[in-house]
Amino acid sequence: MTLLDIMKNRRSVRNYTGQEIPAEKLEMIIQAGLLSPTGKNSKPWEFIVVRNKETLEKMSGCRTGAANMLKGADCAIVVLGDTDKTDTTIEDGSIALANMHLMADSLGVGSCWIQGRLRPASDGRTTEEYLREILGYGEKHQLIAVLSLGMPEKKPEGYVLPDIYSSEKVHFDKF
């Protein structure tokens, strides 16, 4: 299977079986994030891997109506950017998240990207404030997003490239 095949088949998965993700698969997902490129090789991201069910339950309120899948997830990886290291934490953290998202799918693990930056939590605070209180990270760390992980109840159909490839989206030489 090529990387393009993995990309075509990767879909967000929000419903999980409750089965535990094998440790070696979780380790490979984390490694995929750690291997991601960063501006000037600054590696400004830090990951909080959450497996505690009570913590995942609390975290499910971090986004109004958009993080409920954390209740059924086996794990979540919270990606933070160290703002003391670079001004590209968002870009660098997003690349790490994308790598982990693709690796999870290639291993048969379901995942869903939960946008956190500039989003409201269920209690009126920001997602970042909400998660900072639960997870205890400092002010110099900026929330990028959360990746929920679990063994998928069902895998959605992949994308068909001609359906999403269009001359309206791809421009050559000029817009």
C-alpha atoms as a PDB file:
ATOM      1  CA  MET A   1       0.000   0.000   0.000  1.00  0.00           C
ATOM      2  CA  THR A   2       1.400   3.415  -0.929  1.00  0.00           C
ATOM      3  CA  LEU A   3       1.207   6.539   1.188  1.00  0.00           C
ATOM      4  CA  LEU A   4      -1.322   7.925  -1.298  1.00  0.00           C
ATOM      5  CA  ASP A   5      -3.515   4.839  -0.735  1.00  0.00           C
ATOM      6  CA  ILE A   6      -3.348   5.427   3.027  1.00  0.00           C
ATOM      7  CA  MET A   7      -4.303   9.067   2.486  1.00  0.00           C
ATOM      8  CA  LYS A   8      -7.264   8.127   0.295  1.00  0.00           C
ATOM      9  CA  ASN A   9      -8.527   5.658   2.902  1.00  0.00           C
ATOM     10  CA  ARG A  10      -7.932   7.758   6.021  1.00  0.00           C
ATOM     11  CA  ARG A  11     -11.193   8.981   7.508  1.00  0.00           C
ATOM     12  CA  SER A  12     -12.083  10.433  10.881  1.00  0.00           C
ATOM     13  CA  VAL A  13     -13.425   7.786  13.243  1.00  0.00           C
ATOM     14  CA  ARG A  14     -15.559   8.888  16.193  1.00  0.00           C
ATOM     15  CA  ASN A  15     -16.967   5.570  17.443  1.00  0.00           C
ATOM     16  CA  TYR A  16     -14.732   3.011  19.070  1.00  0.00           C
ATOM     17  CA  THR A  17     -15.140  -0.581  20.228  1.00  0.00           C
ATOM     18  CA  GLY A  18     -13.627  -0.063  23.680  1.00  0.00           C
ATOM     19  CA  GLN A  19     -10.840  -2.504  22.836  1.00  0.00           C
ATOM     20  CA  GLU A  20      -7.396  -1.382  23.965  1.00  0.00           C
ATOM     21  CA  ILE A  21      -4.938  -0.162  21.356  1.00  0.00           C
ATOM     22  CA  PRO A  22      -1.917  -2.498  21.431  1.00  0.00           C
ATOM     23  CA  ALA A  23       1.094  -0.789  23.039  1.00  0.00           C
ATOM     24  CA  GLU A  24       3.299  -1.301  19.982  1.00  0.00           C
ATOM     25  CA  LYS A  25       0.749   0.442  17.741  1.00  0.00           C
ATOM     26  CA  LEU A  26       0.434   3.380  20.126  1.00  0.00           C
ATOM     27  CA  GLU A  27       4.222   3.654  20.255  1.00  0.00           C
ATOM     28  CA  MET A  28       4.392   3.742  16.444  1.00  0.00           C
ATOM     29  CA  ILE A  29       1.743   6.487  16.339  1.00  0.00           C
ATOM     30  CA  ILE A  30       3.758   8.575  18.820  1.00  0.00           C
ATOM     31  CA  GLN A  31       6.958   7.938  16.850  1.00  0.00           C
ATOM     32  CA  ALA A  32       5.238   9.183  13.671  1.00  0.00           C
ATOM     33  CA  GLY A  33       4.587  12.470  15.454  1.00  0.00           C
ATOM     34  CA  LEU A  34       8.142  12.670  16.762  1.00  0.00           C
ATOM     35  CA  LEU A  35       9.528  12.103  13.259  1.00  0.00           C
ATOM     36  CA  SER A  36       7.594  14.998  11.755  1.00  0.00           C
ATOM     37  CA  PRO A  37       9.541  17.881  10.254  1.00  0.00           C
ATOM     38  CA  THR A  38       9.669  21.238  12.021  1.00  0.00           C
ATOM     39  CA  GLY A  39      10.880  24.693  11.098  1.00  0.00           C
ATOM     40  CA  LYS A  40      14.633  24.969  11.743  1.00  0.00           C
ATOM     41  CA  ASN A  41      14.400  21.513  13.369  1.00  0.00           C
ATOM     42  CA  SER A  42      13.119  23.249  16.521  1.00  0.00           C
ATOM     43  CA  LYS A  43      10.808  20.368  17.551  1.00  0.00           C
ATOM     44  CA  PRO A  44       8.569  22.703  19.576  1.00  0.00           C
ATOM     45  CA  TRP A  45       5.793  20.172  20.129  1.00  0.00           C
ATOM     46  CA  GLU A  46       5.147  18.179  23.251  1.00  0.00           C
ATOM     47  CA  PHE A  47       2.606  15.392  23.507  1.00  0.00           C
ATOM     48  CA  ILE A  48       0.441  14.457  26.475  1.00  0.00           C
ATOM     49  CA  VAL A  49      -0.736  10.863  26.012  1.00  0.00           C
ATOM     50  CA  VAL A  50      -3.913  10.322  28.034  1.00  0.00           C
ATOM     51  CA  ARG A  51      -5.196   6.810  28.703  1.00  0.00           C
ATOM     52  CA  ASN A  52      -6.951   7.355  32.027  1.00  0.00           C
ATOM     53  CA  LYS A  53     -10.693   6.873  31.420  1.00  0.00           C
ATOM     54  CA  GLU A  54     -11.765   9.474  34.012  1.00  0.00           C
ATOM     55  CA  THR A  55      -9.481  12.056  32.425  1.00  0.00           C
ATOM     56  CA  LEU A  56     -10.767  11.233  28.928  1.00  0.00           C
ATOM     57  CA  GLU A  57     -14.327  11.627  30.239  1.00  0.00           C
ATOM     58  CA  LYS A  58     -13.478  15.080  31.661  1.00  0.00           C
ATOM     59  CA  MET A  59     -11.701  16.044  28.442  1.00  0.00           C
ATOM     60  CA  SER A  60     -14.843  15.279  26.413  1.00  0.00           C
ATOM     61  CA  GLY A  61     -16.197  18.671  27.507  1.00  0.00           C
ATOM     62  CA  CYS A  62     -13.257  20.537  25.985  1.00  0.00           C
ATOM     63  CA  ARG A  63     -15.236  21.432  22.851  1.00  0.00           C
ATOM     64  CA  THR A  64     -18.904  22.280  22.663  1.00  0.00           C
ATOM     65  CA  GLY A  65     -20.465  19.250  20.954  1.00  0.00           C
ATOM     66  CA  ALA A  66     -17.259  18.239  19.182  1.00  0.00           C
ATOM     67  CA  ALA A  67     -15.251  16.091  21.600  1.00  0.00           C
ATOM     68  CA  ASN A  68     -17.785  13.510  22.795  1.00  0.00           C
ATOM     69  CA  MET A  69     -15.813  10.734  21.115  1.00  0.00           C
ATOM     70  CA  LEU A  70     -13.223  11.044  23.901  1.00  0.00           C
ATOM     71  CA  LYS A  71     -15.676   9.255  26.236  1.00  0.00           C
ATOM     72  CA  GLY A  72     -15.291   6.085  24.168  1.00  0.00           C
ATOM     73  CA  ALA A  73     -11.677   6.551  23.112  1.00  0.00           C
ATOM     74  CA  ASP A  74      -8.926   4.310  24.415  1.00  0.00           C
ATOM     75  CA  CYS A  75      -6.464   7.163  24.263  1.00  0.00           C
ATOM     76  CA  ALA A  76      -5.961  10.789  23.319  1.00  0.00           C
ATOM     77  CA  ILE A  77      -2.815  12.615  22.331  1.00  0.00           C
ATOM     78  CA  VAL A  78      -2.843  16.296  23.200  1.00  0.00           C
ATOM     79  CA  VAL A  79      -0.384  18.227  21.039  1.00  0.00           C
ATOM     80  CA  LEU A  80       1.090  21.386  22.502  1.00  0.00           C
ATOM     81  CA  GLY A  81       3.581  23.866  21.081  1.00  0.00           C
ATOM     82  CA  ASP A  82       6.344  25.447  23.164  1.00  0.00           C
ATOM     83  CA  THR A  83       6.053  29.115  22.218  1.00  0.00           C
ATOM     84  CA  ASP A  84       9.520  29.855  23.667  1.00  0.00           C
ATOM     85  CA  LYS A  85      11.121  27.744  20.926  1.00  0.00           C
ATOM     86  CA  THR A  86       9.615  29.171  17.754  1.00  0.00           C
ATOM     87  CA  ASP A  87       6.775  31.110  16.194  1.00  0.00           C
ATOM     88  CA  THR A  88       5.802  28.115  14.033  1.00  0.00           C
ATOM     89  CA  THR A  89       4.245  25.969  16.759  1.00  0.00           C
ATOM     90  CA  ILE A  90       0.896  25.755  14.968  1.00  0.00           C
ATOM     91  CA  GLU A  91       2.402  24.596  11.699  1.00  0.00           C
ATOM     92  CA  ASP A  92       4.832  22.201  13.369  1.00  0.00           C
ATOM     93  CA  GLY A  93       2.193  20.752  15.693  1.00  0.00           C
ATOM     94  CA  SER A  94      -0.240  20.335  12.805  1.00  0.00           C
ATOM     95  CA  ILE A  95       2.321  18.344  10.825  1.00  0.00           C
ATOM     96  CA  ALA A  96       2.893  16.080  13.841  1.00  0.00           C
ATOM     97  CA  LEU A  97      -0.866  15.573  14.200  1.00  0.00           C
ATOM     98  CA  ALA A  98      -1.239  14.743  10.512  1.00  0.00           C
ATOM     99  CA  ASN A  99       1.586  12.197  10.723  1.00  0.00           C
ATOM    100  CA  MET A 100      -0.026  10.531  13.751  1.00  0.00           C
ATOM    101  CA  HIS A 101      -3.452  10.580  12.069  1.00  0.00           C
ATOM    102  CA  LEU A 102      -2.059   8.797   8.998  1.00  0.00           C
ATOM    103  CA  MET A 103      -0.015   6.313  11.040  1.00  0.00           C
ATOM    104  CA  ALA A 104      -3.049   5.414  13.137  1.00  0.00           C
ATOM    105  CA  ASP A 105      -5.084   4.661  10.036  1.00  0.00           C
ATOM    106  CA  SER A 106      -2.291   2.596   8.491  1.00  0.00           C
ATOM    107  CA  LEU A 107      -2.281   0.443  11.652  1.00  0.00           C
ATOM    108  CA  GLY A 108      -6.059  -0.045  11.738  1.00  0.00           C
ATOM    109  CA  VAL A 109      -6.536   2.406  14.626  1.00  0.00           C
ATOM    110  CA  GLY A 110      -9.333   4.949  14.370  1.00  0.00           C
ATOM    111  CA  SER A 111      -8.568   8.592  15.033  1.00  0.00           C
ATOM    112  CA  CYS A 112     -10.223  11.979  14.993  1.00  0.00           C
ATOM    113  CA  TRP A 113      -8.586  15.412  15.058  1.00  0.00           C
ATOM    114  CA  ILE A 114     -10.289  17.639  17.645  1.00  0.00           C
ATOM    115  CA  GLN A 115      -9.488  21.259  16.890  1.00  0.00           C
ATOM    116  CA  GLY A 116      -8.767  23.087  20.125  1.00  0.00           C
ATOM    117  CA  ARG A 117      -7.129  26.364  19.287  1.00  0.00           C
ATOM    118  CA  LEU A 118      -9.541  29.301  19.450  1.00  0.00           C
ATOM    119  CA  ARG A 119     -12.533  27.070  20.208  1.00  0.00           C
ATOM    120  CA  PRO A 120     -15.075  27.207  23.077  1.00  0.00           C
ATOM    121  CA  ALA A 121     -15.371  24.526  25.738  1.00  0.00           C
ATOM    122  CA  SER A 122     -18.688  23.303  27.102  1.00  0.00           C
ATOM    123  CA  ASP A 123     -18.377  25.540  30.180  1.00  0.00           C
ATOM    124  CA  GLY A 124     -17.741  28.822  28.338  1.00  0.00           C
ATOM    125  CA  ARG A 125     -13.965  28.879  28.738  1.00  0.00           C
ATOM    126  CA  THR A 126     -11.694  28.271  25.793  1.00  0.00           C
ATOM    127  CA  THR A 127     -10.713  24.715  24.967  1.00  0.00           C
ATOM    128  CA  GLU A 128      -7.163  25.630  25.897  1.00  0.00           C
ATOM    129  CA  GLU A 129      -8.124  26.931  29.358  1.00  0.00           C
ATOM    130  CA  TYR A 130     -10.304  23.881  29.943  1.00  0.00           C
ATOM    131  CA  LEU A 131      -7.567  21.382  29.047  1.00  0.00           C
ATOM    132  CA  ARG A 132      -4.816  23.352  30.803  1.00  0.00           C
ATOM    133  CA  GLU A 133      -6.701  22.958  34.079  1.00  0.00           C
ATOM    134  CA  ILE A 134      -7.214  19.202  33.609  1.00  0.00           C
ATOM    135  CA  LEU A 135      -3.737  18.380  32.265  1.00  0.00           C
ATOM    136  CA  GLY A 136      -1.603  20.961  34.095  1.00  0.00           C
ATOM    137  CA  TYR A 137       0.504  22.340  31.253  1.00  0.00           C
ATOM    138  CA  GLY A 138       2.013  25.813  31.574  1.00  0.00           C
ATOM    139  CA  GLU A 139       1.296  29.126  29.918  1.00  0.00           C
ATOM    140  CA  LYS A 140       4.249  28.884  27.524  1.00  0.00           C
ATOM    141  CA  HIS A 141       2.595  25.840  25.924  1.00  0.00           C
ATOM    142  CA  GLN A 142      -0.027  26.543  23.296  1.00  0.00           C
ATOM    143  CA  LEU A 143      -2.724  23.983  22.537  1.00  0.00           C
ATOM    144  CA  ILE A 144      -2.662  22.866  18.916  1.00  0.00           C
ATOM    145  CA  ALA A 145      -5.270  20.068  18.934  1.00  0.00           C
ATOM    146  CA  VAL A 146      -6.229  16.700  20.403  1.00  0.00           C
ATOM    147  CA  LEU A 147      -6.123  13.388  18.534  1.00  0.00           C
ATOM    148  CA  SER A 148      -8.617  10.832  19.828  1.00  0.00           C
ATOM    149  CA  LEU A 149      -7.633   7.203  19.264  1.00  0.00           C
ATOM    150  CA  GLY A 150      -9.479   3.912  19.515  1.00  0.00           C
ATOM    151  CA  MET A 151     -10.179   0.701  17.712  1.00  0.00           C
ATOM    152  CA  PRO A 152     -12.894   1.620  15.190  1.00  0.00           C
ATOM    153  CA  GLU A 153     -16.423   0.277  15.470  1.00  0.00           C
ATOM    154  CA  LYS A 154     -16.734   0.765  11.726  1.00  0.00           C
ATOM    155  CA  LYS A 155     -14.424   2.238   9.112  1.00  0.00           C
ATOM    156  CA  PRO A 156     -16.004   4.784   6.737  1.00  0.00           C
ATOM    157  CA  GLU A 157     -15.393   4.337   3.019  1.00  0.00           C
ATOM    158  CA  GLY A 158     -12.289   6.010   1.642  1.00  0.00           C
ATOM    159  CA  TYR A 159     -12.203   8.916  -0.748  1.00  0.00           C
ATOM    160  CA  VAL A 160     -12.152   8.562  -4.517  1.00  0.00           C
ATOM    161  CA  LEU A 161      -9.636  11.015  -5.886  1.00  0.00           C
ATOM    162  CA  PRO A 162     -11.617  12.101  -8.982  1.00  0.00           C
ATOM    163  CA  ASP A 163     -14.465  13.123  -6.641  1.00  0.00           C
ATOM    164  CA  ILE A 164     -12.269  15.589  -4.756  1.00  0.00           C
ATOM    165  CA  TYR A 165      -9.728  16.505  -7.427  1.00  0.00           C
ATOM    166  CA  SER A 166     -10.986  19.352  -9.499  1.00  0.00           C
ATOM    167  CA  SER A 167      -9.598  22.116 -11.659  1.00  0.00           C
ATOM    168  CA  GLU A 168     -11.362  24.510  -9.284  1.00  0.00           C
ATOM    169  CA  LYS A 169      -9.017  23.449  -6.460  1.00  0.00           C
ATOM    170  CA  VAL A 170      -5.716  22.958  -8.267  1.00  0.00           C
ATOM    171  CA  HIS A 171      -4.082  25.795 -10.173  1.00  0.00           C
ATOM    172  CA  PHE A 172      -0.927  25.620 -12.260  1.00  0.00           C
ATOM    173  CA  ASP A 173       1.427  28.549 -12.778  1.00  0.00           C
ATOM    174  CA  LYS A 174      -1.092  31.148 -11.558  1.00  0.00           C
ATOM    175  CA  PHE A 175      -4.516  31.424  -9.918  1.00  0.00           C
END
